[in-house]
């Protein structure tokens, strides 16, 4: 068997193996996320300071862009920061931010579920 043919098979097998590993990684990640968010214990959780804005949005089924607007921050400016960090950066008390978020979520739900 020519040397280039063996090399080509090795490259193809390596590429296939890498594609398989990546596919399995993303499939497991998808399954874990689906199980986590389908658990009723993770839906409509009480808003706490440790939570990132995206987590609150997923828990309450509110789009991220809407959550940013509710929190009163620039779209895309929150890179996985907790509500405590956002309140500190915005110069407002955490309780004020949490109240704003809870009121905004309630308003959003009334507007979208009618």
C-alpha atoms as a PDB file:
ATOM      1  CA  UNK A   1       0.000   0.000   0.000  1.00  0.00           C
ATOM      2  CA  UNK A   2       1.447   3.388  -0.959  1.00  0.00           C
ATOM      3  CA  UNK A   3       2.542   5.616   1.897  1.00  0.00           C
ATOM      4  CA  UNK A   4       0.264   8.509   0.871  1.00  0.00           C
ATOM      5  CA  UNK A   5      -2.762   6.202   0.977  1.00  0.00           C
ATOM      6  CA  UNK A   6      -2.004   5.233   4.584  1.00  0.00           C
ATOM      7  CA  UNK A   7      -1.505   8.852   5.517  1.00  0.00           C
ATOM      8  CA  UNK A   8      -4.803   9.794   3.888  1.00  0.00           C
ATOM      9  CA  UNK A   9      -6.640   7.040   5.796  1.00  0.00           C
ATOM     10  CA  UNK A  10      -5.045   8.166   9.040  1.00  0.00           C
ATOM     11  CA  UNK A  11      -6.096  11.766   8.393  1.00  0.00           C
ATOM     12  CA  UNK A  12      -9.633  10.704   7.531  1.00  0.00           C
ATOM     13  CA  UNK A  13      -9.882   8.477  10.620  1.00  0.00           C
ATOM     14  CA  UNK A  14      -8.538  11.274  12.820  1.00  0.00           C
ATOM     15  CA  UNK A  15     -10.969  13.759  11.323  1.00  0.00           C
ATOM     16  CA  UNK A  16     -13.852  11.347  11.796  1.00  0.00           C
ATOM     17  CA  UNK A  17     -12.822  10.670  15.393  1.00  0.00           C
ATOM     18  CA  UNK A  18     -12.600  14.387  16.142  1.00  0.00           C
ATOM     19  CA  UNK A  19     -16.004  15.025  14.562  1.00  0.00           C
ATOM     20  CA  UNK A  20     -17.472  12.165  16.606  1.00  0.00           C
ATOM     21  CA  UNK A  21     -16.007  13.472  19.880  1.00  0.00           C
ATOM     22  CA  UNK A  22     -17.292  17.005  19.187  1.00  0.00           C
ATOM     23  CA  UNK A  23     -20.735  15.682  18.259  1.00  0.00           C
ATOM     24  CA  UNK A  24     -20.911  13.650  21.461  1.00  0.00           C
ATOM     25  CA  UNK A  25     -19.775  16.647  23.527  1.00  0.00           C
ATOM     26  CA  UNK A  26     -22.503  18.901  22.132  1.00  0.00           C
ATOM     27  CA  UNK A  27     -25.152  16.161  22.375  1.00  0.00           C
ATOM     28  CA  UNK A  28     -24.357  15.617  26.059  1.00  0.00           C
ATOM     29  CA  UNK A  29     -24.338  19.364  26.674  1.00  0.00           C
ATOM     30  CA  UNK A  30     -27.741  19.703  24.995  1.00  0.00           C
ATOM     31  CA  UNK A  31     -29.198  16.795  26.987  1.00  0.00           C
ATOM     32  CA  UNK A  32     -27.883  18.099  30.314  1.00  0.00           C
ATOM     33  CA  UNK A  33     -29.295  21.568  29.590  1.00  0.00           C
ATOM     34  CA  UNK A  34     -32.653  20.134  28.569  1.00  0.00           C
ATOM     35  CA  UNK A  35     -32.913  18.034  31.732  1.00  0.00           C
ATOM     36  CA  UNK A  36     -31.788  20.898  33.950  1.00  0.00           C
ATOM     37  CA  UNK A  37     -34.254  23.462  32.618  1.00  0.00           C
ATOM     38  CA  UNK A  38     -37.158  21.006  32.402  1.00  0.00           C
ATOM     39  CA  UNK A  39     -36.914  20.380  36.161  1.00  0.00           C
ATOM     40  CA  UNK A  40     -39.685  22.420  37.854  1.00  0.00           C
ATOM     41  CA  UNK A  41     -37.255  23.329  40.639  1.00  0.00           C
ATOM     42  CA  UNK A  42     -35.316  25.470  38.137  1.00  0.00           C
ATOM     43  CA  UNK A  43     -38.334  27.269  36.711  1.00  0.00           C
ATOM     44  CA  UNK A  44     -39.477  30.588  38.180  1.00  0.00           C
ATOM     45  CA  UNK A  45     -36.742  30.575  40.816  1.00  0.00           C
ATOM     46  CA  UNK A  46     -36.597  33.416  43.319  1.00  0.00           C
ATOM     47  CA  UNK A  47     -34.214  36.058  41.960  1.00  0.00           C
ATOM     48  CA  UNK A  48     -30.962  36.147  43.948  1.00  0.00           C
ATOM     49  CA  UNK A  49     -27.763  38.143  43.697  1.00  0.00           C
ATOM     50  CA  UNK A  50     -25.550  35.221  42.617  1.00  0.00           C
ATOM     51  CA  UNK A  51     -27.599  34.620  39.464  1.00  0.00           C
ATOM     52  CA  UNK A  52     -26.437  35.927  36.091  1.00  0.00           C
ATOM     53  CA  UNK A  53     -29.057  37.833  34.119  1.00  0.00           C
ATOM     54  CA  UNK A  54     -29.264  35.075  31.502  1.00  0.00           C
ATOM     55  CA  UNK A  55     -29.977  32.479  34.186  1.00  0.00           C
ATOM     56  CA  UNK A  56     -32.858  34.564  35.528  1.00  0.00           C
ATOM     57  CA  UNK A  57     -34.192  34.957  32.006  1.00  0.00           C
ATOM     58  CA  UNK A  58     -34.093  31.219  31.328  1.00  0.00           C
ATOM     59  CA  UNK A  59     -35.683  30.406  34.646  1.00  0.00           C
ATOM     60  CA  UNK A  60     -38.534  32.856  34.031  1.00  0.00           C
ATOM     61  CA  UNK A  61     -38.730  32.280  30.230  1.00  0.00           C
ATOM     62  CA  UNK A  62     -37.868  35.867  29.336  1.00  0.00           C
ATOM     63  CA  UNK A  63     -35.593  36.578  26.322  1.00  0.00           C
ATOM     64  CA  UNK A  64     -32.116  37.888  27.117  1.00  0.00           C
ATOM     65  CA  UNK A  65     -32.650  41.170  25.246  1.00  0.00           C
ATOM     66  CA  UNK A  66     -35.799  41.770  27.294  1.00  0.00           C
ATOM     67  CA  UNK A  67     -33.914  40.973  30.515  1.00  0.00           C
ATOM     68  CA  UNK A  68     -31.233  43.531  29.613  1.00  0.00           C
ATOM     69  CA  UNK A  69     -33.926  46.135  28.994  1.00  0.00           C
ATOM     70  CA  UNK A  70     -35.681  45.263  32.278  1.00  0.00           C
ATOM     71  CA  UNK A  71     -32.385  45.549  34.180  1.00  0.00           C
ATOM     72  CA  UNK A  72     -31.708  48.897  32.509  1.00  0.00           C
ATOM     73  CA  UNK A  73     -28.337  47.988  31.048  1.00  0.00           C
ATOM     74  CA  UNK A  74     -26.792  48.270  27.597  1.00  0.00           C
ATOM     75  CA  UNK A  75     -27.645  45.320  25.321  1.00  0.00           C
ATOM     76  CA  UNK A  76     -24.775  42.846  25.189  1.00  0.00           C
ATOM     77  CA  UNK A  77     -22.877  44.534  28.018  1.00  0.00           C
ATOM     78  CA  UNK A  78     -23.397  41.723  30.503  1.00  0.00           C
ATOM     79  CA  UNK A  79     -20.824  39.005  30.021  1.00  0.00           C
ATOM     80  CA  UNK A  80     -21.912  36.391  32.576  1.00  0.00           C
ATOM     81  CA  UNK A  81     -21.839  38.784  35.495  1.00  0.00           C
ATOM     82  CA  UNK A  82     -23.957  38.102  38.544  1.00  0.00           C
ATOM     83  CA  UNK A  83     -26.723  40.475  39.546  1.00  0.00           C
ATOM     84  CA  UNK A  84     -24.493  41.551  42.447  1.00  0.00           C
ATOM     85  CA  UNK A  85     -21.791  42.583  39.963  1.00  0.00           C
ATOM     86  CA  UNK A  86     -24.287  44.354  37.714  1.00  0.00           C
ATOM     87  CA  UNK A  87     -25.740  46.314  40.660  1.00  0.00           C
ATOM     88  CA  UNK A  88     -22.239  47.272  41.802  1.00  0.00           C
ATOM     89  CA  UNK A  89     -21.215  48.364  38.290  1.00  0.00           C
ATOM     90  CA  UNK A  90     -24.440  50.343  37.839  1.00  0.00           C
ATOM     91  CA  UNK A  91     -24.057  51.950  41.273  1.00  0.00           C
ATOM     92  CA  UNK A  92     -27.420  50.802  42.614  1.00  0.00           C
ATOM     93  CA  UNK A  93     -28.346  48.599  45.584  1.00  0.00           C
ATOM     94  CA  UNK A  94     -28.836  44.911  44.777  1.00  0.00           C
ATOM     95  CA  UNK A  95     -32.368  44.993  46.226  1.00  0.00           C
ATOM     96  CA  UNK A  96     -33.277  47.807  43.821  1.00  0.00           C
ATOM     97  CA  UNK A  97     -32.035  45.798  40.830  1.00  0.00           C
ATOM     98  CA  UNK A  98     -33.844  42.656  41.995  1.00  0.00           C
ATOM     99  CA  UNK A  99     -37.086  44.614  42.499  1.00  0.00           C
ATOM    100  CA  UNK A 100     -36.713  46.146  39.031  1.00  0.00           C
ATOM    101  CA  UNK A 101     -36.178  42.691  37.528  1.00  0.00           C
ATOM    102  CA  UNK A 102     -39.125  41.111  39.372  1.00  0.00           C
ATOM    103  CA  UNK A 103     -41.435  43.958  38.323  1.00  0.00           C
ATOM    104  CA  UNK A 104     -40.194  43.761  34.736  1.00  0.00           C
ATOM    105  CA  UNK A 105     -40.701  40.006  34.579  1.00  0.00           C
ATOM    106  CA  UNK A 106     -44.254  40.355  35.890  1.00  0.00           C
ATOM    107  CA  UNK A 107     -44.993  43.105  33.345  1.00  0.00           C
ATOM    108  CA  UNK A 108     -43.466  41.027  30.523  1.00  0.00           C
ATOM    109  CA  UNK A 109     -45.518  37.983  31.448  1.00  0.00           C
ATOM    110  CA  UNK A 110     -48.763  39.948  31.587  1.00  0.00           C
ATOM    111  CA  UNK A 111     -48.013  41.509  28.188  1.00  0.00           C
ATOM    112  CA  UNK A 112     -47.042  38.232  26.477  1.00  0.00           C
ATOM    113  CA  UNK A 113     -49.478  35.786  28.050  1.00  0.00           C
ATOM    114  CA  UNK A 114     -52.689  37.632  27.265  1.00  0.00           C
END
